[in-house]
């Protein structure tokens, strides 16, 4: 639980899909960080917590963040995911997004350093 809180979450809303196998859910993104995301639980929910998911966050028509995520918690109608893998383009977009929403540049650098160490 402390690992999830090591990264500042920013409230952010963008078109987001979650995919696992042949299932795709359009989901409501509540917040995200350099290491994960929180969504509103879609209905019906048929996801398998034993396997990873792909999260696709559309920042614009041309820019998306794609990450492989693992479900870490399911409570009160929310699903929390931790990032298992993210490509270089996606992490660059995500870092810029967090940078624009985080007033403290030093905090961003600490978070990015922690992300690299994880």
C-alpha atoms as a PDB file:
ATOM      1  CA  UNK A   1       0.000   0.000   0.000  1.00  0.00           C
ATOM      2  CA  UNK A   2       2.811   2.424   0.738  1.00  0.00           C
ATOM      3  CA  UNK A   3       4.257   1.856  -2.759  1.00  0.00           C
ATOM      4  CA  UNK A   4       1.055   3.112  -4.339  1.00  0.00           C
ATOM      5  CA  UNK A   5       1.255   6.287  -2.291  1.00  0.00           C
ATOM      6  CA  UNK A   6       4.894   6.952  -3.143  1.00  0.00           C
ATOM      7  CA  UNK A   7       3.728   8.499  -6.420  1.00  0.00           C
ATOM      8  CA  UNK A   8       1.510  11.581  -6.431  1.00  0.00           C
ATOM      9  CA  UNK A   9      -1.800  10.957  -8.148  1.00  0.00           C
ATOM     10  CA  UNK A  10      -3.291  13.616 -10.337  1.00  0.00           C
ATOM     11  CA  UNK A  11      -6.960  13.838 -11.100  1.00  0.00           C
ATOM     12  CA  UNK A  12      -7.272  13.476 -14.838  1.00  0.00           C
ATOM     13  CA  UNK A  13     -10.090  12.585 -17.172  1.00  0.00           C
ATOM     14  CA  UNK A  14      -9.437  11.191 -20.643  1.00  0.00           C
ATOM     15  CA  UNK A  15     -10.973   8.590 -22.930  1.00  0.00           C
ATOM     16  CA  UNK A  16      -9.603   5.319 -21.583  1.00  0.00           C
ATOM     17  CA  UNK A  17     -10.006   1.647 -22.481  1.00  0.00           C
ATOM     18  CA  UNK A  18      -8.969  -1.374 -20.504  1.00  0.00           C
ATOM     19  CA  UNK A  19      -8.328  -4.616 -22.394  1.00  0.00           C
ATOM     20  CA  UNK A  20      -7.733  -8.184 -21.285  1.00  0.00           C
ATOM     21  CA  UNK A  21      -7.805 -10.982 -23.835  1.00  0.00           C
ATOM     22  CA  UNK A  22     -10.938 -10.554 -25.961  1.00  0.00           C
ATOM     23  CA  UNK A  23     -12.585  -8.175 -23.463  1.00  0.00           C
ATOM     24  CA  UNK A  24     -12.411  -4.382 -23.821  1.00  0.00           C
ATOM     25  CA  UNK A  25     -14.052  -2.010 -21.384  1.00  0.00           C
ATOM     26  CA  UNK A  26     -14.429   1.721 -21.959  1.00  0.00           C
ATOM     27  CA  UNK A  27     -13.709   3.050 -18.467  1.00  0.00           C
ATOM     28  CA  UNK A  28     -13.866   6.308 -16.559  1.00  0.00           C
ATOM     29  CA  UNK A  29     -10.351   7.372 -15.563  1.00  0.00           C
ATOM     30  CA  UNK A  30     -10.336   8.999 -12.127  1.00  0.00           C
ATOM     31  CA  UNK A  31      -6.637   9.644 -11.582  1.00  0.00           C
ATOM     32  CA  UNK A  32      -3.196   8.501 -12.595  1.00  0.00           C
ATOM     33  CA  UNK A  33       0.417   8.675 -11.551  1.00  0.00           C
ATOM     34  CA  UNK A  34       3.768   7.696 -12.991  1.00  0.00           C
ATOM     35  CA  UNK A  35       3.154   4.216 -11.629  1.00  0.00           C
ATOM     36  CA  UNK A  36      -0.543   3.475 -12.033  1.00  0.00           C
ATOM     37  CA  UNK A  37      -4.144   4.538 -12.416  1.00  0.00           C
ATOM     38  CA  UNK A  38      -7.517   4.462 -10.722  1.00  0.00           C
ATOM     39  CA  UNK A  39     -10.736   3.887 -12.669  1.00  0.00           C
ATOM     40  CA  UNK A  40     -14.413   3.558 -11.966  1.00  0.00           C
ATOM     41  CA  UNK A  41     -15.312  -0.138 -12.054  1.00  0.00           C
ATOM     42  CA  UNK A  42     -17.157  -0.915 -15.300  1.00  0.00           C
ATOM     43  CA  UNK A  43     -20.291  -3.043 -15.308  1.00  0.00           C
ATOM     44  CA  UNK A  44     -20.390  -5.874 -16.023  1.00  0.00           C
ATOM     45  CA  UNK A  45     -16.855  -6.560 -14.752  1.00  0.00           C
ATOM     46  CA  UNK A  46     -15.372  -9.821 -16.029  1.00  0.00           C
ATOM     47  CA  UNK A  47     -11.671  -9.036 -15.538  1.00  0.00           C
ATOM     48  CA  UNK A  48      -9.336 -11.702 -14.179  1.00  0.00           C
ATOM     49  CA  UNK A  49      -7.019 -10.306 -11.480  1.00  0.00           C
ATOM     50  CA  UNK A  50      -4.563 -13.157 -12.122  1.00  0.00           C
ATOM     51  CA  UNK A  51      -3.632 -11.729 -15.538  1.00  0.00           C
ATOM     52  CA  UNK A  52      -2.411  -8.337 -16.695  1.00  0.00           C
ATOM     53  CA  UNK A  53      -4.474  -5.755 -18.570  1.00  0.00           C
ATOM     54  CA  UNK A  54      -3.634  -3.148 -21.203  1.00  0.00           C
ATOM     55  CA  UNK A  55      -4.686   0.407 -20.404  1.00  0.00           C
ATOM     56  CA  UNK A  56      -4.959   2.845 -23.308  1.00  0.00           C
ATOM     57  CA  UNK A  57      -5.349   6.492 -22.254  1.00  0.00           C
ATOM     58  CA  UNK A  58      -6.110   8.899 -25.111  1.00  0.00           C
ATOM     59  CA  UNK A  59      -4.571  12.283 -24.307  1.00  0.00           C
ATOM     60  CA  UNK A  60      -5.510  13.619 -27.745  1.00  0.00           C
ATOM     61  CA  UNK A  61      -6.312  12.282 -31.215  1.00  0.00           C
ATOM     62  CA  UNK A  62      -2.594  11.793 -31.841  1.00  0.00           C
ATOM     63  CA  UNK A  63      -1.230  11.060 -28.357  1.00  0.00           C
ATOM     64  CA  UNK A  64      -1.931   8.060 -26.166  1.00  0.00           C
ATOM     65  CA  UNK A  65      -0.372   6.437 -23.146  1.00  0.00           C
ATOM     66  CA  UNK A  66      -0.360   2.645 -23.298  1.00  0.00           C
ATOM     67  CA  UNK A  67       0.665   0.609 -20.313  1.00  0.00           C
ATOM     68  CA  UNK A  68       0.481  -2.974 -19.176  1.00  0.00           C
ATOM     69  CA  UNK A  69      -1.126  -2.933 -15.727  1.00  0.00           C
ATOM     70  CA  UNK A  70      -1.945  -5.312 -12.891  1.00  0.00           C
ATOM     71  CA  UNK A  71      -5.023  -4.988 -10.680  1.00  0.00           C
ATOM     72  CA  UNK A  72      -3.969  -4.140  -7.120  1.00  0.00           C
ATOM     73  CA  UNK A  73      -7.280  -3.325  -5.480  1.00  0.00           C
ATOM     74  CA  UNK A  74     -11.010  -3.499  -6.091  1.00  0.00           C
ATOM     75  CA  UNK A  75     -13.079  -1.552  -3.596  1.00  0.00           C
ATOM     76  CA  UNK A  76     -15.997   0.867  -3.344  1.00  0.00           C
ATOM     77  CA  UNK A  77     -16.654   0.737  -7.095  1.00  0.00           C
ATOM     78  CA  UNK A  78     -13.064   1.636  -8.005  1.00  0.00           C
ATOM     79  CA  UNK A  79     -10.277  -0.441  -9.504  1.00  0.00           C
ATOM     80  CA  UNK A  80      -6.642   0.446  -8.839  1.00  0.00           C
ATOM     81  CA  UNK A  81      -3.854  -0.702 -11.132  1.00  0.00           C
ATOM     82  CA  UNK A  82      -0.073  -0.621 -10.936  1.00  0.00           C
ATOM     83  CA  UNK A  83       1.977  -0.268 -14.108  1.00  0.00           C
ATOM     84  CA  UNK A  84       3.994  -3.353 -15.005  1.00  0.00           C
ATOM     85  CA  UNK A  85       5.361  -2.087 -18.344  1.00  0.00           C
ATOM     86  CA  UNK A  86       5.244   1.129 -20.346  1.00  0.00           C
ATOM     87  CA  UNK A  87       7.035   2.031 -23.572  1.00  0.00           C
ATOM     88  CA  UNK A  88       9.351   5.045 -23.892  1.00  0.00           C
ATOM     89  CA  UNK A  89       6.901   7.198 -25.874  1.00  0.00           C
ATOM     90  CA  UNK A  90       4.129   6.576 -23.360  1.00  0.00           C
ATOM     91  CA  UNK A  91       6.306   7.340 -20.327  1.00  0.00           C
ATOM     92  CA  UNK A  92       7.460  10.567 -21.990  1.00  0.00           C
ATOM     93  CA  UNK A  93       3.834  11.642 -22.522  1.00  0.00           C
ATOM     94  CA  UNK A  94       2.868  10.603 -18.997  1.00  0.00           C
ATOM     95  CA  UNK A  95       5.839  12.408 -17.471  1.00  0.00           C
ATOM     96  CA  UNK A  96       4.906  15.597 -19.333  1.00  0.00           C
ATOM     97  CA  UNK A  97       1.299  15.293 -18.184  1.00  0.00           C
ATOM     98  CA  UNK A  98       2.352  14.872 -14.548  1.00  0.00           C
ATOM     99  CA  UNK A  99       4.837  17.727 -14.918  1.00  0.00           C
ATOM    100  CA  UNK A 100       2.096  20.059 -16.163  1.00  0.00           C
ATOM    101  CA  UNK A 101      -0.151  19.124 -13.238  1.00  0.00           C
ATOM    102  CA  UNK A 102       2.467  19.063 -10.476  1.00  0.00           C
ATOM    103  CA  UNK A 103       3.583  22.488  -9.313  1.00  0.00           C
ATOM    104  CA  UNK A 104       6.798  21.212  -7.702  1.00  0.00           C
ATOM    105  CA  UNK A 105       9.473  20.331 -10.290  1.00  0.00           C
ATOM    106  CA  UNK A 106      11.691  18.782  -7.582  1.00  0.00           C
ATOM    107  CA  UNK A 107       8.843  16.442  -6.598  1.00  0.00           C
ATOM    108  CA  UNK A 108       8.557  15.318 -10.233  1.00  0.00           C
ATOM    109  CA  UNK A 109      12.282  14.543 -10.336  1.00  0.00           C
ATOM    110  CA  UNK A 110      12.042  12.537  -7.082  1.00  0.00           C
ATOM    111  CA  UNK A 111       9.102  10.564  -8.464  1.00  0.00           C
ATOM    112  CA  UNK A 112      10.820   9.887 -11.760  1.00  0.00           C
ATOM    113  CA  UNK A 113      13.953   8.703  -9.925  1.00  0.00           C
ATOM    114  CA  UNK A 114      11.790   6.416  -7.744  1.00  0.00           C
ATOM    115  CA  UNK A 115      10.082   5.049 -10.854  1.00  0.00           C
ATOM    116  CA  UNK A 116      13.435   4.129 -12.381  1.00  0.00           C
ATOM    117  CA  UNK A 117      14.503   2.356  -9.159  1.00  0.00           C
ATOM    118  CA  UNK A 118      11.302   0.266  -8.930  1.00  0.00           C
END
